[in-house]
Structure formats: structure tokens, C-alpha cells
Amino acid sequence: MRAYELMYILKVVEEEAIDALVTKFDNIILSGGTIEKTDRWGKKRLAYPIQDIPDGYYVLVNFNAEPATIKELDRVMKITDEVLRHMIIKKGE
């Protein structure tokens, strides 16, 4: 397994919906890896509006996973409408 860092920005909606999305992405990671730490940075102003949305909910996740899990996570995040932006970075090396 390799170490990765995931940062994603969600549309600001109800707290229950944000919790459900974070849990959904955490479960995808846990299906093929382990989570070291999940930091919820909360609601912050974006540098520029994305899809006419001025604010986003930031989440940072440090985890270990297999490459197949990364592909699935990336695929699901691309098709989830509430995700404004996401980036997965391989740590180390």
C-alpha cells in the first residue's frame, strides 16, 4: 500500500449531507486501505467562484491504499455533483 493525501471541496449544504458524503468517501478508502487522519477544515471562501458558488466545505484526508482503490475513489468523486474540486496526491518518494 502507498501513502496518499486527498483534498476535496464540497458544495456547502446541510451538515447531515456533508457528513454523508465524507462517510461515503471514507468507506471507499476503507474498502482497500486505511485512513490515518481526516481533517475537516469547514466552510471557507473560494479564491474564485466555481459554478457560481462562492464558498466550499474543505476536507483533507491522509490515507494508505492500493492503486485500484485510488481509481475507484477518483471515479466516484468525478460523478458526484456535490464535489466542486478534488485532488489525490501520492506522498513520499
PDB file of N, CA and C in Angstrom:
ATOM      1  N   MET A   1       0.837  -1.188   0.000  1.00  0.00           N
ATOM      2  CA  MET A   1       0.000   0.000   0.000  1.00  0.00           C
ATOM      3  C   MET A   1       0.878   1.246   0.000  1.00  0.00           C
ATOM      4  N   ARG A   2       0.378   2.294  -0.606  1.00  0.00           N
ATOM      5  CA  ARG A   2       1.100   3.555  -0.697  1.00  0.00           C
ATOM      6  C   ARG A   2       0.376   4.632   0.095  1.00  0.00           C
ATOM      7  N   ALA A   3       1.130   5.658   0.487  1.00  0.00           N
ATOM      8  CA  ALA A   3       0.549   6.774   1.234  1.00  0.00           C
ATOM      9  C   ALA A   3       0.036   7.832   0.260  1.00  0.00           C
ATOM     10  N   TYR A   4      -1.164   8.331   0.516  1.00  0.00           N
ATOM     11  CA  TYR A   4      -1.791   9.341  -0.321  1.00  0.00           C
ATOM     12  C   TYR A   4      -2.375  10.454   0.544  1.00  0.00           C
ATOM     13  N   GLU A   5      -2.609  11.586  -0.115  1.00  0.00           N
ATOM     14  CA  GLU A   5      -3.295  12.703   0.512  1.00  0.00           C
ATOM     15  C   GLU A   5      -4.414  13.127  -0.435  1.00  0.00           C
ATOM     16  N   LEU A   6      -5.609  13.281   0.102  1.00  0.00           N
ATOM     17  CA  LEU A   6      -6.778  13.669  -0.679  1.00  0.00           C
ATOM     18  C   LEU A   6      -7.336  14.978  -0.137  1.00  0.00           C
ATOM     19  N   MET A   7      -7.494  15.961  -1.009  1.00  0.00           N
ATOM     20  CA  MET A   7      -8.156  17.213  -0.643  1.00  0.00           C
ATOM     21  C   MET A   7      -9.359  17.357  -1.552  1.00  0.00           C
ATOM     22  N   TYR A   8     -10.516  17.628  -0.946  1.00  0.00           N
ATOM     23  CA  TYR A   8     -11.689  17.877  -1.777  1.00  0.00           C
ATOM     24  C   TYR A   8     -12.525  18.996  -1.191  1.00  0.00           C
ATOM     25  N   ILE A   9     -13.263  19.664  -2.098  1.00  0.00           N
ATOM     26  CA  ILE A   9     -14.119  20.780  -1.732  1.00  0.00           C
ATOM     27  C   ILE A   9     -15.546  20.409  -2.119  1.00  0.00           C
ATOM     28  N   LEU A  10     -16.440  20.480  -1.137  1.00  0.00           N
ATOM     29  CA  LEU A  10     -17.841  20.149  -1.353  1.00  0.00           C
ATOM     30  C   LEU A  10     -18.679  21.416  -1.418  1.00  0.00           C
ATOM     31  N   LYS A  11     -19.816  21.327  -2.100  1.00  0.00           N
ATOM     32  CA  LYS A  11     -20.790  22.412  -2.057  1.00  0.00           C
ATOM     33  C   LYS A  11     -21.299  22.510  -0.622  1.00  0.00           C
ATOM     34  N   VAL A  12     -21.505  23.727  -0.147  1.00  0.00           N
ATOM     35  CA  VAL A  12     -21.998  23.918   1.216  1.00  0.00           C
ATOM     36  C   VAL A  12     -23.496  23.620   1.236  1.00  0.00           C
ATOM     37  N   VAL A  13     -23.851  22.531   1.926  1.00  0.00           N
ATOM     38  CA  VAL A  13     -25.245  22.119   2.088  1.00  0.00           C
ATOM     39  C   VAL A  13     -25.474  21.838   3.570  1.00  0.00           C
ATOM     40  N   GLU A  14     -26.542  21.142   3.913  1.00  0.00           N
ATOM     41  CA  GLU A  14     -26.800  20.814   5.309  1.00  0.00           C
ATOM     42  C   GLU A  14     -25.685  19.939   5.879  1.00  0.00           C
ATOM     43  N   GLU A  15     -25.506  20.033   7.192  1.00  0.00           N
ATOM     44  CA  GLU A  15     -24.451  19.279   7.881  1.00  0.00           C
ATOM     45  C   GLU A  15     -24.624  17.770   7.692  1.00  0.00           C
ATOM     46  N   GLU A  16     -25.868  17.289   7.677  1.00  0.00           N
ATOM     47  CA  GLU A  16     -26.115  15.849   7.505  1.00  0.00           C
ATOM     48  C   GLU A  16     -25.652  15.370   6.137  1.00  0.00           C
ATOM     49  N   ALA A  17     -25.872  16.194   5.107  1.00  0.00           N
ATOM     50  CA  ALA A  17     -25.454  15.826   3.756  1.00  0.00           C
ATOM     51  C   ALA A  17     -23.938  15.799   3.643  1.00  0.00           C
ATOM     52  N   ILE A  18     -23.270  16.747   4.285  1.00  0.00           N
ATOM     53  CA  ILE A  18     -21.802  16.768   4.275  1.00  0.00           C
ATOM     54  C   ILE A  18     -21.263  15.548   4.999  1.00  0.00           C
ATOM     55  N   ASP A  19     -21.848  15.219   6.166  1.00  0.00           N
ATOM     56  CA  ASP A  19     -21.427  14.025   6.905  1.00  0.00           C
ATOM     57  C   ASP A  19     -21.597  12.762   6.073  1.00  0.00           C
ATOM     58  N   ALA A  20     -22.695  12.676   5.333  1.00  0.00           N
ATOM     59  CA  ALA A  20     -22.958  11.500   4.500  1.00  0.00           C
ATOM     60  C   ALA A  20     -21.919  11.381   3.386  1.00  0.00           C
ATOM     61  N   LEU A  21     -21.556  12.510   2.771  1.00  0.00           N
ATOM     62  CA  LEU A  21     -20.555  12.475   1.698  1.00  0.00           C
ATOM     63  C   LEU A  21     -19.176  12.094   2.227  1.00  0.00           C
ATOM     64  N   VAL A  22     -18.783  12.669   3.364  1.00  0.00           N
ATOM     65  CA  VAL A  22     -17.475  12.341   3.944  1.00  0.00           C
ATOM     66  C   VAL A  22     -17.429  10.862   4.301  1.00  0.00           C
ATOM     67  N   THR A  23     -18.508  10.343   4.870  1.00  0.00           N
ATOM     68  CA  THR A  23     -18.579   8.922   5.213  1.00  0.00           C
ATOM     69  C   THR A  23     -18.516   8.053   3.958  1.00  0.00           C
ATOM     70  N   LYS A  24     -19.188   8.478   2.899  1.00  0.00           N
ATOM     71  CA  LYS A  24     -19.184   7.733   1.631  1.00  0.00           C
ATOM     72  C   LYS A  24     -17.755   7.597   1.088  1.00  0.00           C
ATOM     73  N   PHE A  25     -17.017   8.721   1.062  1.00  0.00           N
ATOM     74  CA  PHE A  25     -15.654   8.681   0.541  1.00  0.00           C
ATOM     75  C   PHE A  25     -14.721   7.910   1.481  1.00  0.00           C
ATOM     76  N   ASP A  26     -14.924   8.040   2.786  1.00  0.00           N
ATOM     77  CA  ASP A  26     -14.121   7.277   3.743  1.00  0.00           C
ATOM     78  C   ASP A  26     -14.339   5.774   3.562  1.00  0.00           C
ATOM     79  N   ASN A  27     -15.575   5.365   3.312  1.00  0.00           N
ATOM     80  CA  ASN A  27     -15.872   3.940   3.117  1.00  0.00           C
ATOM     81  C   ASN A  27     -15.214   3.401   1.853  1.00  0.00           C
ATOM     82  N   ILE A  28     -15.125   4.213   0.811  1.00  0.00           N
ATOM     83  CA  ILE A  28     -14.439   3.781  -0.414  1.00  0.00           C
ATOM     84  C   ILE A  28     -12.960   3.555  -0.112  1.00  0.00           C
ATOM     85  N   ILE A  29     -12.363   4.465   0.636  1.00  0.00           N
ATOM     86  CA  ILE A  29     -10.948   4.312   1.007  1.00  0.00           C
ATOM     87  C   ILE A  29     -10.758   3.077   1.872  1.00  0.00           C
ATOM     88  N   LEU A  30     -11.654   2.868   2.843  1.00  0.00           N
ATOM     89  CA  LEU A  30     -11.519   1.734   3.764  1.00  0.00           C
ATOM     90  C   LEU A  30     -11.750   0.389   3.081  1.00  0.00           C
ATOM     91  N   SER A  31     -12.397   0.385   1.906  1.00  0.00           N
ATOM     92  CA  SER A  31     -12.608  -0.875   1.189  1.00  0.00           C
ATOM     93  C   SER A  31     -11.293  -1.458   0.665  1.00  0.00           C
ATOM     94  N   GLY A  32     -10.267  -0.596   0.498  1.00  0.00           N
ATOM     95  CA  GLY A  32      -8.988  -1.096   0.004  1.00  0.00           C
ATOM     96  C   GLY A  32      -7.800  -0.413   0.650  1.00  0.00           C
ATOM     97  N   GLY A  33      -7.981   0.096   1.874  1.00  0.00           N
ATOM     98  CA  GLY A  33      -6.881   0.794   2.533  1.00  0.00           C
ATOM     99  C   GLY A  33      -7.218   1.185   3.961  1.00  0.00           C
ATOM    100  N   THR A  34      -6.396   2.078   4.517  1.00  0.00           N
ATOM    101  CA  THR A  34      -6.599   2.549   5.877  1.00  0.00           C
ATOM    102  C   THR A  34      -6.495   4.072   5.903  1.00  0.00           C
ATOM    103  N   ILE A  35      -7.282   4.696   6.772  1.00  0.00           N
ATOM    104  CA  ILE A  35      -7.262   6.147   6.915  1.00  0.00           C
ATOM    105  C   ILE A  35      -6.426   6.507   8.132  1.00  0.00           C
ATOM    106  N   GLU A  36      -5.440   7.379   7.929  1.00  0.00           N
ATOM    107  CA  GLU A  36      -4.624   7.861   9.037  1.00  0.00           C
ATOM    108  C   GLU A  36      -5.309   9.012   9.760  1.00  0.00           C
ATOM    109  N   LYS A  37      -5.830   9.977   8.977  1.00  0.00           N
ATOM    110  CA  LYS A  37      -6.411  11.168   9.581  1.00  0.00           C
ATOM    111  C   LYS A  37      -7.350  11.849   8.591  1.00  0.00           C
ATOM    112  N   THR A  38      -8.483  12.333   9.096  1.00  0.00           N
ATOM    113  CA  THR A  38      -9.416  13.120   8.299  1.00  0.00           C
ATOM    114  C   THR A  38      -9.571  14.471   8.974  1.00  0.00           C
ATOM    115  N   ASP A  39      -9.186  15.528   8.280  1.00  0.00           N
ATOM    116  CA  ASP A  39      -9.312  16.898   8.790  1.00  0.00           C
ATOM    117  C   ASP A  39     -10.447  17.592   8.065  1.00  0.00           C
ATOM    118  N   ARG A  40     -11.411  18.060   8.823  1.00  0.00           N
ATOM    119  CA  ARG A  40     -12.493  18.863   8.250  1.00  0.00           C
ATOM    120  C   ARG A  40     -12.151  20.324   8.508  1.00  0.00           C
ATOM    121  N   TRP A  41     -11.786  21.022   7.453  1.00  0.00           N
ATOM    122  CA  TRP A  41     -11.417  22.428   7.588  1.00  0.00           C
ATOM    123  C   TRP A  41     -12.644  23.315   7.670  1.00  0.00           C
ATOM    124  N   GLY A  42     -13.760  22.833   7.211  1.00  0.00           N
ATOM    125  CA  GLY A  42     -15.001  23.587   7.302  1.00  0.00           C
ATOM    126  C   GLY A  42     -15.245  24.489   6.108  1.00  0.00           C
ATOM    127  N   LYS A  43     -16.198  25.403   6.295  1.00  0.00           N
ATOM    128  CA  LYS A  43     -16.611  26.303   5.218  1.00  0.00           C
ATOM    129  C   LYS A  43     -15.606  27.433   5.066  1.00  0.00           C
ATOM    130  N   LYS A  44     -15.144  27.641   3.845  1.00  0.00           N
ATOM    131  CA  LYS A  44     -14.202  28.714   3.545  1.00  0.00           C
ATOM    132  C   LYS A  44     -14.585  29.361   2.219  1.00  0.00           C
ATOM    133  N   ARG A  45     -14.204  30.602   2.066  1.00  0.00           N
ATOM    134  CA  ARG A  45     -14.430  31.346   0.833  1.00  0.00           C
ATOM    135  C   ARG A  45     -13.447  30.830  -0.219  1.00  0.00           C
ATOM    136  N   LEU A  46     -13.949  30.569  -1.431  1.00  0.00           N
ATOM    137  CA  LEU A  46     -13.105  30.127  -2.532  1.00  0.00           C
ATOM    138  C   LEU A  46     -12.351  31.321  -3.113  1.00  0.00           C
ATOM    139  N   ALA A  47     -11.192  31.090  -3.691  1.00  0.00           N
ATOM    140  CA  ALA A  47     -10.415  32.163  -4.321  1.00  0.00           C
ATOM    141  C   ALA A  47     -11.177  32.771  -5.499  1.00  0.00           C
ATOM    142  N   TYR A  48     -11.946  31.940  -6.183  1.00  0.00           N
ATOM    143  CA  TYR A  48     -12.799  32.401  -7.281  1.00  0.00           C
ATOM    144  C   TYR A  48     -14.023  31.492  -7.302  1.00  0.00           C
ATOM    145  N   PRO A  49     -15.168  31.997  -7.729  1.00  0.00           N
ATOM    146  CA  PRO A  49     -16.377  31.165  -7.746  1.00  0.00           C
ATOM    147  C   PRO A  49     -16.239  29.978  -8.706  1.00  0.00           C
ATOM    148  N   ILE A  50     -16.708  28.833  -8.273  1.00  0.00           N
ATOM    149  CA  ILE A  50     -16.761  27.631  -9.093  1.00  0.00           C
ATOM    150  C   ILE A  50     -18.236  27.313  -9.300  1.00  0.00           C
ATOM    151  N   GLN A  51     -18.684  27.281 -10.526  1.00  0.00           N
ATOM    152  CA  GLN A  51     -20.097  27.058 -10.865  1.00  0.00           C
ATOM    153  C   GLN A  51     -20.982  28.078 -10.144  1.00  0.00           C
ATOM    154  N   ASP A  52     -20.521  29.323 -10.078  1.00  0.00           N
ATOM    155  CA  ASP A  52     -21.222  30.425  -9.410  1.00  0.00           C
ATOM    156  C   ASP A  52     -21.427  30.187  -7.911  1.00  0.00           C
ATOM    157  N   ILE A  53     -20.569  29.382  -7.298  1.00  0.00           N
ATOM    158  CA  ILE A  53     -20.644  29.112  -5.863  1.00  0.00           C
ATOM    159  C   ILE A  53     -19.434  29.769  -5.195  1.00  0.00           C
ATOM    160  N   PRO A  54     -19.656  30.705  -4.251  1.00  0.00           N
ATOM    161  CA  PRO A  54     -18.532  31.442  -3.655  1.00  0.00           C
ATOM    162  C   PRO A  54     -17.849  30.732  -2.488  1.00  0.00           C
ATOM    163  N   ASP A  55     -18.539  29.782  -1.825  1.00  0.00           N
ATOM    164  CA  ASP A  55     -17.994  29.109  -0.644  1.00  0.00           C
ATOM    165  C   ASP A  55     -17.933  27.602  -0.860  1.00  0.00           C
ATOM    166  N   GLY A  56     -17.005  26.946  -0.150  1.00  0.00           N
ATOM    167  CA  GLY A  56     -16.900  25.498  -0.224  1.00  0.00           C
ATOM    168  C   GLY A  56     -16.546  24.920   1.127  1.00  0.00           C
ATOM    169  N   TYR A  57     -16.820  23.639   1.303  1.00  0.00           N
ATOM    170  CA  TYR A  57     -16.501  22.918   2.537  1.00  0.00           C
ATOM    171  C   TYR A  57     -15.279  22.052   2.251  1.00  0.00           C
ATOM    172  N   TYR A  58     -14.164  22.363   2.909  1.00  0.00           N
ATOM    173  CA  TYR A  58     -12.882  21.710   2.643  1.00  0.00           C
ATOM    174  C   TYR A  58     -12.682  20.495   3.552  1.00  0.00           C
ATOM    175  N   VAL A  59     -12.164  19.400   2.967  1.00  0.00           N
ATOM    176  CA  VAL A  59     -11.826  18.190   3.722  1.00  0.00           C
ATOM    177  C   VAL A  59     -10.473  17.679   3.231  1.00  0.00           C
ATOM    178  N   LEU A  60      -9.585  17.334   4.181  1.00  0.00           N
ATOM    179  CA  LEU A  60      -8.265  16.786   3.878  1.00  0.00           C
ATOM    180  C   LEU A  60      -8.165  15.412   4.519  1.00  0.00           C
ATOM    181  N   VAL A  61      -7.764  14.399   3.723  1.00  0.00           N
ATOM    182  CA  VAL A  61      -7.658  13.024   4.222  1.00  0.00           C
ATOM    183  C   VAL A  61      -6.272  12.489   3.913  1.00  0.00           C
ATOM    184  N   ASN A  62      -5.585  11.957   4.930  1.00  0.00           N
ATOM    185  CA  ASN A  62      -4.324  11.241   4.758  1.00  0.00           C
ATOM    186  C   ASN A  62      -4.626   9.755   4.921  1.00  0.00           C
ATOM    187  N   PHE A  63      -4.199   8.942   3.950  1.00  0.00           N
ATOM    188  CA  PHE A  63      -4.552   7.521   3.992  1.00  0.00           C
ATOM    189  C   PHE A  63      -3.541   6.683   3.232  1.00  0.00           C
ATOM    190  N   ASN A  64      -3.629   5.374   3.421  1.00  0.00           N
ATOM    191  CA  ASN A  64      -2.840   4.387   2.692  1.00  0.00           C
ATOM    192  C   ASN A  64      -3.813   3.519   1.911  1.00  0.00           C
ATOM    193  N   ALA A  65      -3.489   3.252   0.640  1.00  0.00           N
ATOM    194  CA  ALA A  65      -4.401   2.456  -0.185  1.00  0.00           C
ATOM    195  C   ALA A  65      -3.666   1.858  -1.369  1.00  0.00           C
ATOM    196  N   GLU A  66      -4.356   0.935  -2.021  1.00  0.00           N
ATOM    197  CA  GLU A  66      -3.870   0.316  -3.242  1.00  0.00           C
ATOM    198  C   GLU A  66      -4.254   1.198  -4.433  1.00  0.00           C
ATOM    199  N   PRO A  67      -3.520   1.102  -5.548  1.00  0.00           N
ATOM    200  CA  PRO A  67      -3.848   1.915  -6.735  1.00  0.00           C
ATOM    201  C   PRO A  67      -5.271   1.691  -7.267  1.00  0.00           C
ATOM    202  N   ALA A  68      -5.805   0.492  -7.149  1.00  0.00           N
ATOM    203  CA  ALA A  68      -7.172   0.234  -7.622  1.00  0.00           C
ATOM    204  C   ALA A  68      -8.191   1.034  -6.818  1.00  0.00           C
ATOM    205  N   THR A  69      -7.933   1.198  -5.529  1.00  0.00           N
ATOM    206  CA  THR A  69      -8.821   1.988  -4.678  1.00  0.00           C
ATOM    207  C   THR A  69      -8.787   3.449  -5.090  1.00  0.00           C
ATOM    208  N   ILE A  70      -7.618   3.941  -5.478  1.00  0.00           N
ATOM    209  CA  ILE A  70      -7.480   5.329  -5.914  1.00  0.00           C
ATOM    210  C   ILE A  70      -8.290   5.564  -7.183  1.00  0.00           C
ATOM    211  N   LYS A  71      -8.239   4.622  -8.119  1.00  0.00           N
ATOM    212  CA  LYS A  71      -9.010   4.755  -9.354  1.00  0.00           C
ATOM    213  C   LYS A  71     -10.506   4.819  -9.069  1.00  0.00           C
ATOM    214  N   GLU A  72     -10.984   3.956  -8.178  1.00  0.00           N
ATOM    215  CA  GLU A  72     -12.407   3.940  -7.835  1.00  0.00           C
ATOM    216  C   GLU A  72     -12.808   5.229  -7.121  1.00  0.00           C
ATOM    217  N   LEU A  73     -11.983   5.693  -6.197  1.00  0.00           N
ATOM    218  CA  LEU A  73     -12.257   6.930  -5.474  1.00  0.00           C
ATOM    219  C   LEU A  73     -12.329   8.119  -6.435  1.00  0.00           C
ATOM    220  N   ASP A  74     -11.383   8.193  -7.359  1.00  0.00           N
ATOM    221  CA  ASP A  74     -11.365   9.268  -8.347  1.00  0.00           C
ATOM    222  C   ASP A  74     -12.612   9.220  -9.232  1.00  0.00           C
ATOM    223  N   ARG A  75     -13.013   8.024  -9.647  1.00  0.00           N
ATOM    224  CA  ARG A  75     -14.187   7.855 -10.497  1.00  0.00           C
ATOM    225  C   ARG A  75     -15.453   8.330  -9.776  1.00  0.00           C
ATOM    226  N   VAL A  76     -15.609   7.923  -8.527  1.00  0.00           N
ATOM    227  CA  VAL A  76     -16.808   8.296  -7.765  1.00  0.00           C
ATOM    228  C   VAL A  76     -16.843   9.798  -7.503  1.00  0.00           C
ATOM    229  N   MET A  77     -15.685  10.387  -7.211  1.00  0.00           N
ATOM    230  CA  MET A  77     -15.659  11.832  -6.941  1.00  0.00           C
ATOM    231  C   MET A  77     -15.980  12.642  -8.200  1.00  0.00           C
ATOM    232  N   LYS A  78     -15.585  12.140  -9.362  1.00  0.00           N
ATOM    233  CA  LYS A  78     -15.879  12.846 -10.612  1.00  0.00           C
ATOM    234  C   LYS A  78     -17.366  12.862 -10.935  1.00  0.00           C
ATOM    235  N   ILE A  79     -18.098  11.826 -10.536  1.00  0.00           N
ATOM    236  CA  ILE A  79     -19.517  11.758 -10.876  1.00  0.00           C
ATOM    237  C   ILE A  79     -20.428  12.246  -9.750  1.00  0.00           C
ATOM    238  N   THR A  80     -19.861  12.639  -8.607  1.00  0.00           N
ATOM    239  CA  THR A  80     -20.653  13.169  -7.502  1.00  0.00           C
ATOM    240  C   THR A  80     -20.826  14.668  -7.696  1.00  0.00           C
ATOM    241  N   ASP A  81     -22.064  15.112  -7.832  1.00  0.00           N
ATOM    242  CA  ASP A  81     -22.362  16.512  -8.141  1.00  0.00           C
ATOM    243  C   ASP A  81     -21.941  17.468  -7.030  1.00  0.00           C
ATOM    244  N   GLU A  82     -21.937  17.024  -5.772  1.00  0.00           N
ATOM    245  CA  GLU A  82     -21.623  17.908  -4.659  1.00  0.00           C
ATOM    246  C   GLU A  82     -20.136  18.224  -4.543  1.00  0.00           C
ATOM    247  N   VAL A  83     -19.281  17.488  -5.251  1.00  0.00           N
ATOM    248  CA  VAL A  83     -17.833  17.728  -5.205  1.00  0.00           C
ATOM    249  C   VAL A  83     -17.488  18.806  -6.235  1.00  0.00           C
ATOM    250  N   LEU A  84     -16.984  19.949  -5.734  1.00  0.00           N
ATOM    251  CA  LEU A  84     -16.579  21.025  -6.635  1.00  0.00           C
ATOM    252  C   LEU A  84     -15.211  20.743  -7.239  1.00  0.00           C
ATOM    253  N   ARG A  85     -14.253  20.363  -6.404  1.00  0.00           N
ATOM    254  CA  ARG A  85     -12.893  20.027  -6.848  1.00  0.00           C
ATOM    255  C   ARG A  85     -12.330  18.938  -5.931  1.00  0.00           C
ATOM    256  N   HIS A  86     -11.425  18.125  -6.490  1.00  0.00           N
ATOM    257  CA  HIS A  86     -10.706  17.152  -5.663  1.00  0.00           C
ATOM    258  C   HIS A  86      -9.323  16.909  -6.260  1.00  0.00           C
ATOM    259  N   MET A  87      -8.405  16.509  -5.390  1.00  0.00           N
ATOM    260  CA  MET A  87      -7.043  16.203  -5.835  1.00  0.00           C
ATOM    261  C   MET A  87      -6.489  15.098  -4.943  1.00  0.00           C
ATOM    262  N   ILE A  88      -5.921  14.070  -5.578  1.00  0.00           N
ATOM    263  CA  ILE A  88      -5.289  12.964  -4.871  1.00  0.00           C
ATOM    264  C   ILE A  88      -3.800  13.014  -5.183  1.00  0.00           C
ATOM    265  N   ILE A  89      -2.977  13.052  -4.126  1.00  0.00           N
ATOM    266  CA  ILE A  89      -1.534  13.176  -4.283  1.00  0.00           C
ATOM    267  C   ILE A  89      -0.860  11.988  -3.609  1.00  0.00           C
ATOM    268  N   LYS A  90       0.094  11.374  -4.328  1.00  0.00           N
ATOM    269  CA  LYS A  90       0.888  10.294  -3.735  1.00  0.00           C
ATOM    270  C   LYS A  90       2.003  10.922  -2.912  1.00  0.00           C
ATOM    271  N   LYS A  91       2.108  10.556  -1.637  1.00  0.00           N
ATOM    272  CA  LYS A  91       3.115  11.135  -0.761  1.00  0.00           C
ATOM    273  C   LYS A  91       4.416  10.365  -0.855  1.00  0.00           C
ATOM    274  N   GLY A  92       5.503  11.002  -0.485  1.00  0.00           N
ATOM    275  CA  GLY A  92       6.793  10.328  -0.422  1.00  0.00           C
ATOM    276  C   GLY A  92       7.511  10.282  -1.741  1.00  0.00           C
ATOM    277  N   GLU A  93       8.530   9.418  -1.778  1.00  0.00           N
ATOM    278  CA  GLU A  93       9.404   9.209  -2.931  1.00  0.00           C
ATOM    279  C   GLU A  93      10.005  10.488  -3.304  1.00  0.00           C
TER     280      GLU A  93
END
